[in-house]
Amino acid sequence: MTAHDDAPSTEFPQAIGRVATRQLSAHGYTRYEDLVRVTRKDLLAIHGVGPRAVGILELELASRGMSYAS
């Protein structure tokens, strides 16, 4: 088993970090479509998900024509 085998299966970029990916997955967010139900503020309230990860995901959402909930 490698250090990366414990990473949850998501479509999010590695650039957000393993901790953020793991925490998002634990909260039920594994696809970009999941993120349109949640606000930026709600994501930032999740321990391990910081402004950098939220910003990267926001750009990814925008590139797909989506955005966080208002």
PDB file of N, CA and C in Angstrom:
ATOM      1  N   MET A   1       0.853  -1.184   0.000  1.00  0.00           N
ATOM      2  CA  MET A   1       0.000   0.000   0.000  1.00  0.00           C
ATOM      3  C   MET A   1       0.894   1.240   0.000  1.00  0.00           C
ATOM      4  N   THR A   2       0.611   2.175  -0.882  1.00  0.00           N
ATOM      5  CA  THR A   2       1.375   3.416  -0.926  1.00  0.00           C
ATOM      6  C   THR A   2       0.660   4.494  -0.132  1.00  0.00           C
ATOM      7  N   ALA A   3       1.331   5.613   0.060  1.00  0.00           N
ATOM      8  CA  ALA A   3       0.752   6.727   0.815  1.00  0.00           C
ATOM      9  C   ALA A   3      -0.496   7.275   0.136  1.00  0.00           C
ATOM     10  N   HIS A   4      -0.626   7.054  -1.165  1.00  0.00           N
ATOM     11  CA  HIS A   4      -1.759   7.620  -1.898  1.00  0.00           C
ATOM     12  C   HIS A   4      -2.954   6.678  -1.965  1.00  0.00           C
ATOM     13  N   ASP A   5      -2.778   5.443  -1.504  1.00  0.00           N
ATOM     14  CA  ASP A   5      -3.878   4.484  -1.564  1.00  0.00           C
ATOM     15  C   ASP A   5      -5.037   4.833  -0.646  1.00  0.00           C
ATOM     16  N   ASP A   6      -4.792   5.663   0.377  1.00  0.00           N
ATOM     17  CA  ASP A   6      -5.859   6.021   1.305  1.00  0.00           C
ATOM     18  C   ASP A   6      -6.663   7.228   0.831  1.00  0.00           C
ATOM     19  N   ALA A   7      -6.310   7.778  -0.322  1.00  0.00           N
ATOM     20  CA  ALA A   7      -7.021   8.938  -0.852  1.00  0.00           C
ATOM     21  C   ALA A   7      -8.384   8.501  -1.385  1.00  0.00           C
ATOM     22  N   PRO A   8      -9.437   9.251  -1.041  1.00  0.00           N
ATOM     23  CA  PRO A   8     -10.766   8.902  -1.543  1.00  0.00           C
ATOM     24  C   PRO A   8     -10.861   9.132  -3.051  1.00  0.00           C
ATOM     25  N   SER A   9     -11.790   8.476  -3.680  1.00  0.00           N
ATOM     26  CA  SER A   9     -11.987   8.631  -5.110  1.00  0.00           C
ATOM     27  C   SER A   9     -12.871   9.850  -5.374  1.00  0.00           C
ATOM     28  N   THR A  10     -12.262  10.887  -5.922  1.00  0.00           N
ATOM     29  CA  THR A  10     -12.998  12.089  -6.293  1.00  0.00           C
ATOM     30  C   THR A  10     -12.513  12.548  -7.652  1.00  0.00           C
ATOM     31  N   GLU A  11     -13.222  13.484  -8.249  1.00  0.00           N
ATOM     32  CA  GLU A  11     -12.763  14.044  -9.515  1.00  0.00           C
ATOM     33  C   GLU A  11     -12.011  15.350  -9.306  1.00  0.00           C
ATOM     34  N   PHE A  12     -11.754  15.727  -8.059  1.00  0.00           N
ATOM     35  CA  PHE A  12     -11.091  16.992  -7.761  1.00  0.00           C
ATOM     36  C   PHE A  12      -9.595  16.908  -8.043  1.00  0.00           C
ATOM     37  N   PRO A  13      -8.991  18.038  -8.416  1.00  0.00           N
ATOM     38  CA  PRO A  13      -7.560  18.029  -8.734  1.00  0.00           C
ATOM     39  C   PRO A  13      -6.698  17.793  -7.489  1.00  0.00           C
ATOM     40  N   GLN A  14      -5.555  17.139  -7.677  1.00  0.00           N
ATOM     41  CA  GLN A  14      -4.630  16.885  -6.573  1.00  0.00           C
ATOM     42  C   GLN A  14      -4.154  18.178  -5.927  1.00  0.00           C
ATOM     43  N   ALA A  15      -4.206  19.270  -6.653  1.00  0.00           N
ATOM     44  CA  ALA A  15      -3.706  20.557  -6.161  1.00  0.00           C
ATOM     45  C   ALA A  15      -4.435  21.041  -4.911  1.00  0.00           C
ATOM     46  N   ILE A  16      -5.637  20.527  -4.643  1.00  0.00           N
ATOM     47  CA  ILE A  16      -6.339  20.987  -3.438  1.00  0.00           C
ATOM     48  C   ILE A  16      -5.788  20.314  -2.179  1.00  0.00           C
ATOM     49  N   GLY A  17      -5.041  19.241  -2.353  1.00  0.00           N
ATOM     50  CA  GLY A  17      -4.424  18.565  -1.224  1.00  0.00           C
ATOM     51  C   GLY A  17      -5.200  17.357  -0.755  1.00  0.00           C
ATOM     52  N   ARG A  18      -4.471  16.422  -0.155  1.00  0.00           N
ATOM     53  CA  ARG A  18      -5.092  15.172   0.306  1.00  0.00           C
ATOM     54  C   ARG A  18      -6.054  15.393   1.471  1.00  0.00           C
ATOM     55  N   VAL A  19      -5.685  16.285   2.395  1.00  0.00           N
ATOM     56  CA  VAL A  19      -6.549  16.517   3.555  1.00  0.00           C
ATOM     57  C   VAL A  19      -7.883  17.113   3.105  1.00  0.00           C
ATOM     58  N   ALA A  20      -7.822  18.129   2.242  1.00  0.00           N
ATOM     59  CA  ALA A  20      -9.055  18.746   1.745  1.00  0.00           C
ATOM     60  C   ALA A  20      -9.892  17.728   0.973  1.00  0.00           C
ATOM     61  N   THR A  21      -9.246  16.928   0.138  1.00  0.00           N
ATOM     62  CA  THR A  21      -9.960  15.914  -0.627  1.00  0.00           C
ATOM     63  C   THR A  21     -10.640  14.920   0.302  1.00  0.00           C
ATOM     64  N   ARG A  22      -9.921  14.467   1.308  1.00  0.00           N
ATOM     65  CA  ARG A  22     -10.468  13.511   2.261  1.00  0.00           C
ATOM     66  C   ARG A  22     -11.647  14.101   3.033  1.00  0.00           C
ATOM     67  N   GLN A  23     -11.517  15.346   3.476  1.00  0.00           N
ATOM     68  CA  GLN A  23     -12.589  15.981   4.245  1.00  0.00           C
ATOM     69  C   GLN A  23     -13.816  16.254   3.376  1.00  0.00           C
ATOM     70  N   LEU A  24     -13.597  16.698   2.156  1.00  0.00           N
ATOM     71  CA  LEU A  24     -14.732  16.917   1.251  1.00  0.00           C
ATOM     72  C   LEU A  24     -15.478  15.607   1.018  1.00  0.00           C
ATOM     73  N   SER A  25     -14.729  14.550   0.785  1.00  0.00           N
ATOM     74  CA  SER A  25     -15.339  13.243   0.561  1.00  0.00           C
ATOM     75  C   SER A  25     -16.116  12.781   1.790  1.00  0.00           C
ATOM     76  N   ALA A  26     -15.559  12.999   2.971  1.00  0.00           N
ATOM     77  CA  ALA A  26     -16.227  12.611   4.220  1.00  0.00           C
ATOM     78  C   ALA A  26     -17.546  13.350   4.405  1.00  0.00           C
ATOM     79  N   HIS A  27     -17.651  14.535   3.809  1.00  0.00           N
ATOM     80  CA  HIS A  27     -18.880  15.331   3.896  1.00  0.00           C
ATOM     81  C   HIS A  27     -19.804  15.099   2.694  1.00  0.00           C
ATOM     82  N   GLY A  28     -19.455  14.145   1.844  1.00  0.00           N
ATOM     83  CA  GLY A  28     -20.319  13.784   0.719  1.00  0.00           C
ATOM     84  C   GLY A  28     -20.065  14.536  -0.564  1.00  0.00           C
ATOM     85  N   TYR A  29     -18.953  15.247  -0.646  1.00  0.00           N
ATOM     86  CA  TYR A  29     -18.617  16.007  -1.852  1.00  0.00           C
ATOM     87  C   TYR A  29     -17.497  15.294  -2.602  1.00  0.00           C
ATOM     88  N   THR A  30     -17.855  14.613  -3.677  1.00  0.00           N
ATOM     89  CA  THR A  30     -16.857  13.878  -4.450  1.00  0.00           C
ATOM     90  C   THR A  30     -16.842  14.274  -5.928  1.00  0.00           C
ATOM     91  N   ARG A  31     -17.864  15.031  -6.351  1.00  0.00           N
ATOM     92  CA  ARG A  31     -17.961  15.479  -7.753  1.00  0.00           C
ATOM     93  C   ARG A  31     -18.259  16.971  -7.775  1.00  0.00           C
ATOM     94  N   TYR A  32     -17.936  17.599  -8.876  1.00  0.00           N
ATOM     95  CA  TYR A  32     -18.203  19.040  -8.997  1.00  0.00           C
ATOM     96  C   TYR A  32     -19.687  19.337  -8.843  1.00  0.00           C
ATOM     97  N   GLU A  33     -20.534  18.439  -9.343  1.00  0.00           N
ATOM     98  CA  GLU A  33     -21.978  18.640  -9.227  1.00  0.00           C
ATOM     99  C   GLU A  33     -22.423  18.704  -7.764  1.00  0.00           C
ATOM    100  N   ASP A  34     -21.692  18.052  -6.879  1.00  0.00           N
ATOM    101  CA  ASP A  34     -22.020  18.088  -5.449  1.00  0.00           C
ATOM    102  C   ASP A  34     -21.792  19.474  -4.862  1.00  0.00           C
ATOM    103  N   LEU A  35     -20.831  20.195  -5.406  1.00  0.00           N
ATOM    104  CA  LEU A  35     -20.442  21.488  -4.844  1.00  0.00           C
ATOM    105  C   LEU A  35     -21.427  22.609  -5.142  1.00  0.00           C
ATOM    106  N   VAL A  36     -22.309  22.431  -6.112  1.00  0.00           N
ATOM    107  CA  VAL A  36     -23.266  23.491  -6.434  1.00  0.00           C
ATOM    108  C   VAL A  36     -24.354  23.607  -5.366  1.00  0.00           C
ATOM    109  N   ARG A  37     -24.430  22.628  -4.459  1.00  0.00           N
ATOM    110  CA  ARG A  37     -25.417  22.650  -3.375  1.00  0.00           C
ATOM    111  C   ARG A  37     -24.903  23.364  -2.133  1.00  0.00           C
ATOM    112  N   VAL A  38     -23.636  23.733  -2.110  1.00  0.00           N
ATOM    113  CA  VAL A  38     -23.004  24.258  -0.908  1.00  0.00           C
ATOM    114  C   VAL A  38     -22.395  25.635  -1.177  1.00  0.00           C
ATOM    115  N   THR A  39     -22.352  26.461  -0.144  1.00  0.00           N
ATOM    116  CA  THR A  39     -21.752  27.792  -0.302  1.00  0.00           C
ATOM    117  C   THR A  39     -20.251  27.728  -0.025  1.00  0.00           C
ATOM    118  N   ARG A  40     -19.564  28.730  -0.494  1.00  0.00           N
ATOM    119  CA  ARG A  40     -18.130  28.868  -0.231  1.00  0.00           C
ATOM    120  C   ARG A  40     -17.880  28.903   1.282  1.00  0.00           C
ATOM    121  N   LYS A  41     -18.735  29.627   2.000  1.00  0.00           N
ATOM    122  CA  LYS A  41     -18.606  29.755   3.450  1.00  0.00           C
ATOM    123  C   LYS A  41     -18.757  28.394   4.134  1.00  0.00           C
ATOM    124  N   ASP A  42     -19.704  27.585   3.673  1.00  0.00           N
ATOM    125  CA  ASP A  42     -19.910  26.253   4.245  1.00  0.00           C
ATOM    126  C   ASP A  42     -18.683  25.370   4.029  1.00  0.00           C
ATOM    127  N   LEU A  43     -18.084  25.449   2.854  1.00  0.00           N
ATOM    128  CA  LEU A  43     -16.885  24.649   2.588  1.00  0.00           C
ATOM    129  C   LEU A  43     -15.727  25.085   3.478  1.00  0.00           C
ATOM    130  N   LEU A  44     -15.592  26.393   3.658  1.00  0.00           N
ATOM    131  CA  LEU A  44     -14.507  26.900   4.494  1.00  0.00           C
ATOM    132  C   LEU A  44     -14.683  26.510   5.962  1.00  0.00           C
ATOM    133  N   ALA A  45     -15.894  26.180   6.356  1.00  0.00           N
ATOM    134  CA  ALA A  45     -16.156  25.763   7.736  1.00  0.00           C
ATOM    135  C   ALA A  45     -15.728  24.320   7.997  1.00  0.00           C
ATOM    136  N   ILE A  46     -15.426  23.575   6.936  1.00  0.00           N
ATOM    137  CA  ILE A  46     -14.984  22.188   7.089  1.00  0.00           C
ATOM    138  C   ILE A  46     -13.504  22.193   7.454  1.00  0.00           C
ATOM    139  N   HIS A  47     -13.184  21.587   8.584  1.00  0.00           N
ATOM    140  CA  HIS A  47     -11.796  21.513   9.023  1.00  0.00           C
ATOM    141  C   HIS A  47     -10.956  20.812   7.956  1.00  0.00           C
ATOM    142  N   GLY A  48      -9.872  21.453   7.546  1.00  0.00           N
ATOM    143  CA  GLY A  48      -8.992  20.878   6.531  1.00  0.00           C
ATOM    144  C   GLY A  48      -9.239  21.404   5.135  1.00  0.00           C
ATOM    145  N   VAL A  49     -10.296  22.172   4.963  1.00  0.00           N
ATOM    146  CA  VAL A  49     -10.596  22.770   3.658  1.00  0.00           C
ATOM    147  C   VAL A  49     -10.384  24.272   3.791  1.00  0.00           C
ATOM    148  N   GLY A  50      -9.329  24.761   3.159  1.00  0.00           N
ATOM    149  CA  GLY A  50      -8.975  26.161   3.301  1.00  0.00           C
ATOM    150  C   GLY A  50      -9.264  26.989   2.061  1.00  0.00           C
ATOM    151  N   PRO A  51      -8.923  28.274   2.142  1.00  0.00           N
ATOM    152  CA  PRO A  51      -9.188  29.196   1.039  1.00  0.00           C
ATOM    153  C   PRO A  51      -8.532  28.783  -0.280  1.00  0.00           C
ATOM    154  N   ARG A  52      -7.351  28.193  -0.208  1.00  0.00           N
ATOM    155  CA  ARG A  52      -6.663  27.777  -1.433  1.00  0.00           C
ATOM    156  C   ARG A  52      -7.468  26.688  -2.148  1.00  0.00           C
ATOM    157  N   ALA A  53      -7.875  25.663  -1.406  1.00  0.00           N
ATOM    158  CA  ALA A  53      -8.655  24.569  -1.996  1.00  0.00           C
ATOM    159  C   ALA A  53      -9.982  25.080  -2.544  1.00  0.00           C
ATOM    160  N   VAL A  54     -10.648  25.927  -1.781  1.00  0.00           N
ATOM    161  CA  VAL A  54     -11.942  26.466  -2.212  1.00  0.00           C
ATOM    162  C   VAL A  54     -11.774  27.313  -3.474  1.00  0.00           C
ATOM    163  N   GLY A  55     -10.699  28.070  -3.553  1.00  0.00           N
ATOM    164  CA  GLY A  55     -10.428  28.885  -4.745  1.00  0.00           C
ATOM    165  C   GLY A  55     -10.157  28.034  -5.973  1.00  0.00           C
ATOM    166  N   ILE A  56      -9.357  26.988  -5.811  1.00  0.00           N
ATOM    167  CA  ILE A  56      -9.068  26.083  -6.931  1.00  0.00           C
ATOM    168  C   ILE A  56     -10.356  25.427  -7.412  1.00  0.00           C
ATOM    169  N   LEU A  57     -11.168  24.965  -6.479  1.00  0.00           N
ATOM    170  CA  LEU A  57     -12.429  24.333  -6.865  1.00  0.00           C
ATOM    171  C   LEU A  57     -13.383  25.324  -7.528  1.00  0.00           C
ATOM    172  N   GLU A  58     -13.355  26.561  -7.061  1.00  0.00           N
ATOM    173  CA  GLU A  58     -14.207  27.591  -7.661  1.00  0.00           C
ATOM    174  C   GLU A  58     -13.835  27.817  -9.128  1.00  0.00           C
ATOM    175  N   LEU A  59     -12.540  27.852  -9.409  1.00  0.00           N
ATOM    176  CA  LEU A  59     -12.085  27.999 -10.801  1.00  0.00           C
ATOM    177  C   LEU A  59     -12.489  26.798 -11.641  1.00  0.00           C
ATOM    178  N   GLU A  60     -12.373  25.611 -11.067  1.00  0.00           N
ATOM    179  CA  GLU A  60     -12.775  24.392 -11.782  1.00  0.00           C
ATOM    180  C   GLU A  60     -14.281  24.401 -12.062  1.00  0.00           C
ATOM    181  N   LEU A  61     -15.056  24.821 -11.076  1.00  0.00           N
ATOM    182  CA  LEU A  61     -16.505  24.930 -11.281  1.00  0.00           C
ATOM    183  C   LEU A  61     -16.818  25.910 -12.409  1.00  0.00           C
ATOM    184  N   ALA A  62     -16.188  27.075 -12.366  1.00  0.00           N
ATOM    185  CA  ALA A  62     -16.432  28.105 -13.390  1.00  0.00           C
ATOM    186  C   ALA A  62     -16.088  27.584 -14.784  1.00  0.00           C
ATOM    187  N   SER A  63     -15.011  26.811 -14.888  1.00  0.00           N
ATOM    188  CA  SER A  63     -14.615  26.281 -16.197  1.00  0.00           C
ATOM    189  C   SER A  63     -15.643  25.284 -16.731  1.00  0.00           C
ATOM    190  N   ARG A  64     -16.491  24.794 -15.846  1.00  0.00           N
ATOM    191  CA  ARG A  64     -17.556  23.859 -16.220  1.00  0.00           C
ATOM    192  C   ARG A  64     -18.921  24.536 -16.281  1.00  0.00           C
ATOM    193  N   GLY A  65     -18.937  25.859 -16.124  1.00  0.00           N
ATOM    194  CA  GLY A  65     -20.199  26.609 -16.166  1.00  0.00           C
ATOM    195  C   GLY A  65     -21.028  26.474 -14.901  1.00  0.00           C
ATOM    196  N   MET A  66     -20.375  26.165 -13.784  1.00  0.00           N
ATOM    197  CA  MET A  66     -21.078  25.964 -12.520  1.00  0.00           C
ATOM    198  C   MET A  66     -20.504  26.922 -11.475  1.00  0.00           C
ATOM    199  N   SER A  67     -21.185  27.012 -10.336  1.00  0.00           N
ATOM    200  CA  SER A  67     -20.682  27.831  -9.227  1.00  0.00           C
ATOM    201  C   SER A  67     -21.243  27.295  -7.925  1.00  0.00           C
ATOM    202  N   TYR A  68     -20.643  27.743  -6.815  1.00  0.00           N
ATOM    203  CA  TYR A  68     -21.156  27.381  -5.502  1.00  0.00           C
ATOM    204  C   TYR A  68     -22.557  27.963  -5.331  1.00  0.00           C
ATOM    205  N   ALA A  69     -23.305  27.427  -4.393  1.00  0.00           N
ATOM    206  CA  ALA A  69     -24.629  27.959  -4.060  1.00  0.00           C
ATOM    207  C   ALA A  69     -24.451  29.371  -3.492  1.00  0.00           C
ATOM    208  N   SER A  70     -25.488  30.184  -3.618  1.00  0.00           N
ATOM    209  CA  SER A  70     -25.436  31.545  -3.099  1.00  0.00           C
ATOM    210  C   SER A  70     -25.737  31.587  -1.623  1.00  0.00           C
TER     211      SER A  70
END
